[in-house]
Amino acid sequence: MTDLLLSEELLLIGLDDESGKARGMFNPASLHGALLCDLVERGAVTVDDRNKVVPAAAAPGHPALAAVHETITADPRPRSVSHWTGMLPSRHPKPAELVALRLVADGVLAREEGRVLGLFRTVRMPETDPGPERALRERLRSVLVQGTTPSPHDALLVALLHSTHQVRAAVSGVDTAQRRAAEKRARAVAKGLESDPVLKAQYDAAVLAAVMTTVTTVVVTTGGSS
């Protein structure tokens, strides 16, 4: 298949290969920020000096990006990165299924629907082709454990993993010392993006995704315990 999106890579790391469900600390809500990063990376939108997201090209061919691009272009006013990071969850409430569309079409994931108690719809997406994820994890180990200089794309991916607490999941299988080194390396890569004028907008979206995910989780948890 063609090169993976940041959002697709984050999803592959976050899903359990066999159950097809979110594992560990992965929250699919973080995919909204990743989708914004993908749109910027592919030139479908730009972020101006006021931090406003501005459509810059026709809708991308990828179904997930096309859906988010359509949402952004439907708004008559340019809105900020933080606006869209907060708004996209209500417009696209099932981001994992949206991001998985091409992965399912290409046979990387399967899509299986079910019901809980015969009432509540569930979707799980077990892995059917381990090749793309295996190559992805090898790339990440090279950057995070071996210290290889990341490409701009991989630097953004590392920033997303760092901001969503998924570095450990990305380098599973390494020993404790290597895991700690990977987390330290991820922090350094993410910090380096803060001052990069080209990647700053995508870095901001990655951080905002983590913040909004945390806020959503706290609200849901607090509301459910009252």
Protein backbone atom coordinates (compact mmCIF):
# COMPACT_ATOMS: atom_id res chain seq x y z
CA MET A 1 0.00 0.00 0.00
CA THR A 2 1.01 3.64 -0.27
CA ASP A 3 2.70 5.51 2.58
CA LEU A 4 0.68 5.51 5.77
CA LEU A 5 -0.87 8.64 7.22
CA LEU A 6 0.18 9.77 10.68
CA SER A 7 -3.33 8.97 11.86
CA GLU A 8 -3.16 5.47 10.38
CA GLU A 9 0.17 4.84 12.06
CA LEU A 10 -1.18 6.04 15.40
CA LEU A 11 -4.16 3.71 14.98
CA LEU A 12 -2.00 0.68 14.18
CA ILE A 13 0.09 1.29 17.29
CA GLY A 14 -3.01 1.81 19.42
CA LEU A 15 -5.06 -1.23 18.40
CA ASP A 16 -4.52 -4.70 19.78
CA ASP A 17 -3.58 -6.91 16.82
CA GLU A 18 -5.83 -9.82 17.78
CA SER A 19 -8.85 -8.24 19.47
CA GLY A 20 -8.92 -5.19 17.21
CA LYS A 21 -9.76 -2.99 20.20
CA ALA A 22 -7.91 -0.06 21.75
CA ARG A 23 -5.14 -1.21 24.04
CA GLY A 24 -3.37 0.40 26.97
CA MET A 25 -3.63 4.17 27.12
CA PHE A 26 -4.69 4.63 23.49
CA ASN A 27 -7.71 6.91 23.11
CA PRO A 28 -9.10 7.12 19.55
CA ALA A 29 -10.02 10.76 20.19
CA SER A 30 -6.34 11.62 19.66
CA LEU A 31 -6.80 10.73 15.99
CA HIS A 32 -8.58 14.04 15.33
CA GLY A 33 -5.37 15.98 15.92
CA ALA A 34 -3.45 13.47 13.82
CA LEU A 35 -5.88 14.00 10.93
CA LEU A 36 -5.24 17.74 11.10
CA CYS A 37 -1.52 17.02 10.97
CA ASP A 38 -2.10 14.84 7.91
CA LEU A 39 -4.00 17.58 6.10
CA VAL A 40 -1.21 20.09 6.75
CA GLU A 41 1.48 17.61 5.76
CA ARG A 42 -0.22 16.94 2.43
CA GLY A 43 -0.85 20.62 1.67
CA ALA A 44 -4.63 20.27 1.79
CA VAL A 45 -4.80 23.02 4.41
CA THR A 46 -2.35 25.62 5.67
CA VAL A 47 -2.10 27.35 9.04
CA ASP A 48 -1.61 31.12 8.78
CA ASP A 49 0.27 33.43 11.14
CA ARG A 50 -2.86 33.82 13.28
CA ASN A 51 -2.99 30.02 13.76
CA LYS A 52 -6.07 29.77 11.52
CA VAL A 53 -6.63 26.68 9.40
CA VAL A 54 -7.15 27.66 5.75
CA PRO A 55 -8.11 25.17 2.98
CA ALA A 56 -5.40 25.28 0.33
CA ALA A 57 -6.22 22.55 -2.16
CA ALA A 58 -8.89 20.19 -3.42
CA ALA A 59 -9.99 17.41 -1.12
CA PRO A 60 -7.42 14.60 -0.76
CA GLY A 61 -8.22 11.19 -2.16
CA HIS A 62 -7.97 9.43 1.19
CA PRO A 63 -11.54 8.98 2.54
CA ALA A 64 -10.72 10.08 6.10
CA LEU A 65 -8.87 13.19 4.96
CA ALA A 66 -11.60 14.00 2.44
CA ALA A 67 -14.23 13.86 5.19
CA VAL A 68 -12.30 16.17 7.54
CA HIS A 69 -11.34 18.50 4.68
CA GLU A 70 -15.02 18.80 3.73
CA THR A 71 -15.90 19.70 7.33
CA ILE A 72 -13.27 22.45 7.39
CA THR A 73 -14.14 23.88 3.97
CA ALA A 74 -17.87 23.97 4.83
CA ASP A 75 -17.18 26.62 7.45
CA PRO A 76 -17.26 30.08 5.81
CA ARG A 77 -14.67 31.46 8.25
CA PRO A 78 -11.13 30.31 8.92
CA ARG A 79 -10.97 28.76 12.37
CA SER A 80 -8.06 28.10 14.70
CA VAL A 81 -6.27 24.80 15.18
CA SER A 82 -7.70 24.62 18.70
CA HIS A 83 -11.23 25.22 17.34
CA TRP A 84 -10.99 22.26 14.98
CA THR A 85 -9.31 20.01 17.51
CA GLY A 86 -12.26 20.68 19.79
CA MET A 87 -14.93 20.58 17.07
CA LEU A 88 -13.93 17.52 15.04
CA PRO A 89 -14.95 15.00 17.75
CA SER A 90 -18.59 16.11 17.43
CA ARG A 91 -18.48 16.12 13.63
CA HIS A 92 -16.65 12.81 13.35
CA PRO A 93 -17.45 10.89 16.54
CA LYS A 94 -15.94 7.57 15.40
CA PRO A 95 -12.40 8.55 14.37
CA ALA A 96 -10.94 5.05 14.56
CA GLU A 97 -13.46 3.73 12.03
CA LEU A 98 -12.88 6.77 9.83
CA VAL A 99 -9.09 6.45 9.87
CA ALA A 100 -9.34 2.68 9.30
CA LEU A 101 -11.28 2.97 6.01
CA ARG A 102 -8.24 2.62 3.74
CA LEU A 103 -6.53 0.10 6.01
CA VAL A 104 -9.61 -2.11 5.78
CA ALA A 105 -9.91 -1.61 2.01
CA ASP A 106 -6.24 -2.57 1.57
CA GLY A 107 -6.55 -5.68 3.75
CA VAL A 108 -4.36 -4.45 6.61
CA LEU A 109 -7.26 -4.54 9.07
CA ALA A 110 -10.55 -6.41 9.12
CA ARG A 111 -13.77 -4.75 10.24
CA GLU A 112 -16.10 -6.83 12.40
CA GLU A 113 -19.38 -5.51 13.81
CA GLY A 114 -21.20 -6.95 16.80
CA ARG A 115 -23.72 -6.17 19.49
CA VAL A 116 -23.44 -6.04 23.25
CA LEU A 117 -26.57 -7.41 24.97
CA GLY A 118 -28.14 -7.33 21.53
CA LEU A 119 -28.40 -3.55 21.76
CA PHE A 120 -25.13 -1.64 21.60
CA ARG A 121 -23.20 -1.70 18.35
CA THR A 122 -19.50 -2.53 18.62
CA VAL A 123 -16.77 -2.52 16.00
CA ARG A 124 -13.42 -4.22 16.28
CA MET A 125 -10.64 -4.13 13.73
CA PRO A 126 -8.16 -7.00 14.13
CA GLU A 127 -5.01 -6.98 12.05
CA THR A 128 -4.95 -9.21 8.96
CA ASP A 129 -1.69 -8.05 7.36
CA PRO A 130 1.09 -7.41 9.92
CA GLY A 131 3.56 -6.10 7.33
CA PRO A 132 2.80 -2.35 7.51
CA GLU A 133 2.81 -2.28 11.31
CA ARG A 134 5.98 -4.34 11.48
CA ALA A 135 7.78 -1.90 9.16
CA LEU A 136 6.39 1.04 11.16
CA ARG A 137 7.68 -0.36 14.46
CA GLU A 138 11.11 -1.03 12.97
CA ARG A 139 11.29 2.61 11.86
CA LEU A 140 10.27 3.84 15.27
CA ARG A 141 12.78 1.62 17.07
CA SER A 142 15.48 3.00 14.79
CA VAL A 143 14.57 6.57 15.80
CA LEU A 144 13.71 6.04 19.45
CA VAL A 145 16.10 3.29 20.53
CA GLN A 146 19.01 3.50 18.09
CA GLY A 147 18.97 7.31 17.79
CA THR A 148 18.53 7.60 14.02
CA THR A 149 17.68 11.15 12.89
CA PRO A 150 13.95 11.13 12.04
CA SER A 151 12.44 12.40 8.82
CA PRO A 152 9.99 15.31 9.27
CA HIS A 153 7.12 12.82 9.03
CA ASP A 154 8.60 10.52 11.66
CA ALA A 155 9.40 13.47 13.94
CA LEU A 156 5.72 14.43 13.86
CA LEU A 157 4.72 10.85 14.52
CA VAL A 158 7.05 10.73 17.52
CA ALA A 159 5.52 14.01 18.79
CA LEU A 160 2.06 12.47 18.50
CA LEU A 161 3.16 9.33 20.32
CA HIS A 162 4.79 11.41 23.04
CA SER A 163 1.83 13.75 23.52
CA THR A 164 -0.64 10.84 23.67
CA HIS A 165 1.52 8.65 25.94
CA GLN A 166 2.00 5.93 23.33
CA VAL A 167 5.81 5.74 23.19
CA ARG A 168 5.93 2.59 25.33
CA ALA A 169 3.36 0.93 23.09
CA ALA A 170 5.39 1.88 20.02
CA VAL A 171 8.57 0.19 21.28
CA SER A 172 7.00 -2.80 23.03
CA GLY A 173 9.39 -5.72 23.33
CA VAL A 174 12.46 -3.71 24.34
CA ASP A 175 14.01 -3.88 27.81
CA THR A 176 13.45 -1.33 30.58
CA ALA A 177 16.59 0.69 29.86
CA GLN A 178 15.74 0.92 26.16
CA ARG A 179 12.15 1.91 26.95
CA ARG A 180 13.32 4.73 29.21
CA ALA A 181 15.78 5.86 26.57
CA ALA A 182 12.98 5.82 23.99
CA GLU A 183 10.78 8.03 26.16
CA LYS A 184 13.64 10.47 26.72
CA ARG A 185 14.39 10.51 23.00
CA ALA A 186 10.71 11.12 22.17
CA ARG A 187 10.61 14.12 24.52
CA ALA A 188 13.68 15.57 22.83
CA VAL A 189 12.26 15.08 19.32
CA ALA A 190 8.93 16.65 20.32
CA LYS A 191 10.66 19.61 21.96
CA GLY A 192 12.73 20.15 18.82
CA LEU A 193 9.54 20.64 16.79
CA GLU A 194 8.40 23.52 19.00
CA SER A 195 10.86 25.89 17.33
CA ASP A 196 10.60 24.50 13.79
CA PRO A 197 8.72 27.12 11.72
CA VAL A 198 7.61 24.59 9.11
CA LEU A 199 6.39 21.86 11.47
CA LYS A 200 5.09 24.09 14.28
CA ALA A 201 1.44 24.03 13.17
CA GLN A 202 1.39 20.24 13.02
CA TYR A 203 3.17 20.04 16.36
CA ASP A 204 0.50 22.32 17.87
CA ALA A 205 -2.24 20.06 16.51
CA ALA A 206 -0.51 17.02 18.00
CA VAL A 207 -0.26 18.65 21.44
CA LEU A 208 -3.83 19.92 21.31
CA ALA A 209 -5.01 16.43 20.41
CA ALA A 210 -3.43 15.13 23.60
CA VAL A 211 -4.91 17.96 25.69
CA MET A 212 -8.42 17.50 24.28
CA THR A 213 -8.19 13.73 24.73
CA THR A 214 -7.23 14.20 28.38
CA VAL A 215 -10.03 16.71 28.97
CA THR A 216 -12.58 14.40 27.30
CA THR A 217 -11.45 11.44 29.36
CA VAL A 218 -11.64 13.42 32.62
CA VAL A 219 -15.13 14.74 31.81
CA VAL A 220 -16.46 11.29 30.87
CA THR A 221 -14.86 9.64 33.91
CA THR A 222 -16.12 12.33 36.31
CA GLY A 223 -19.58 12.32 34.81
CA GLY A 224 -19.77 8.55 34.98
CA SER A 225 -18.77 8.44 38.65
CA SER A 226 -21.26 11.01 39.92
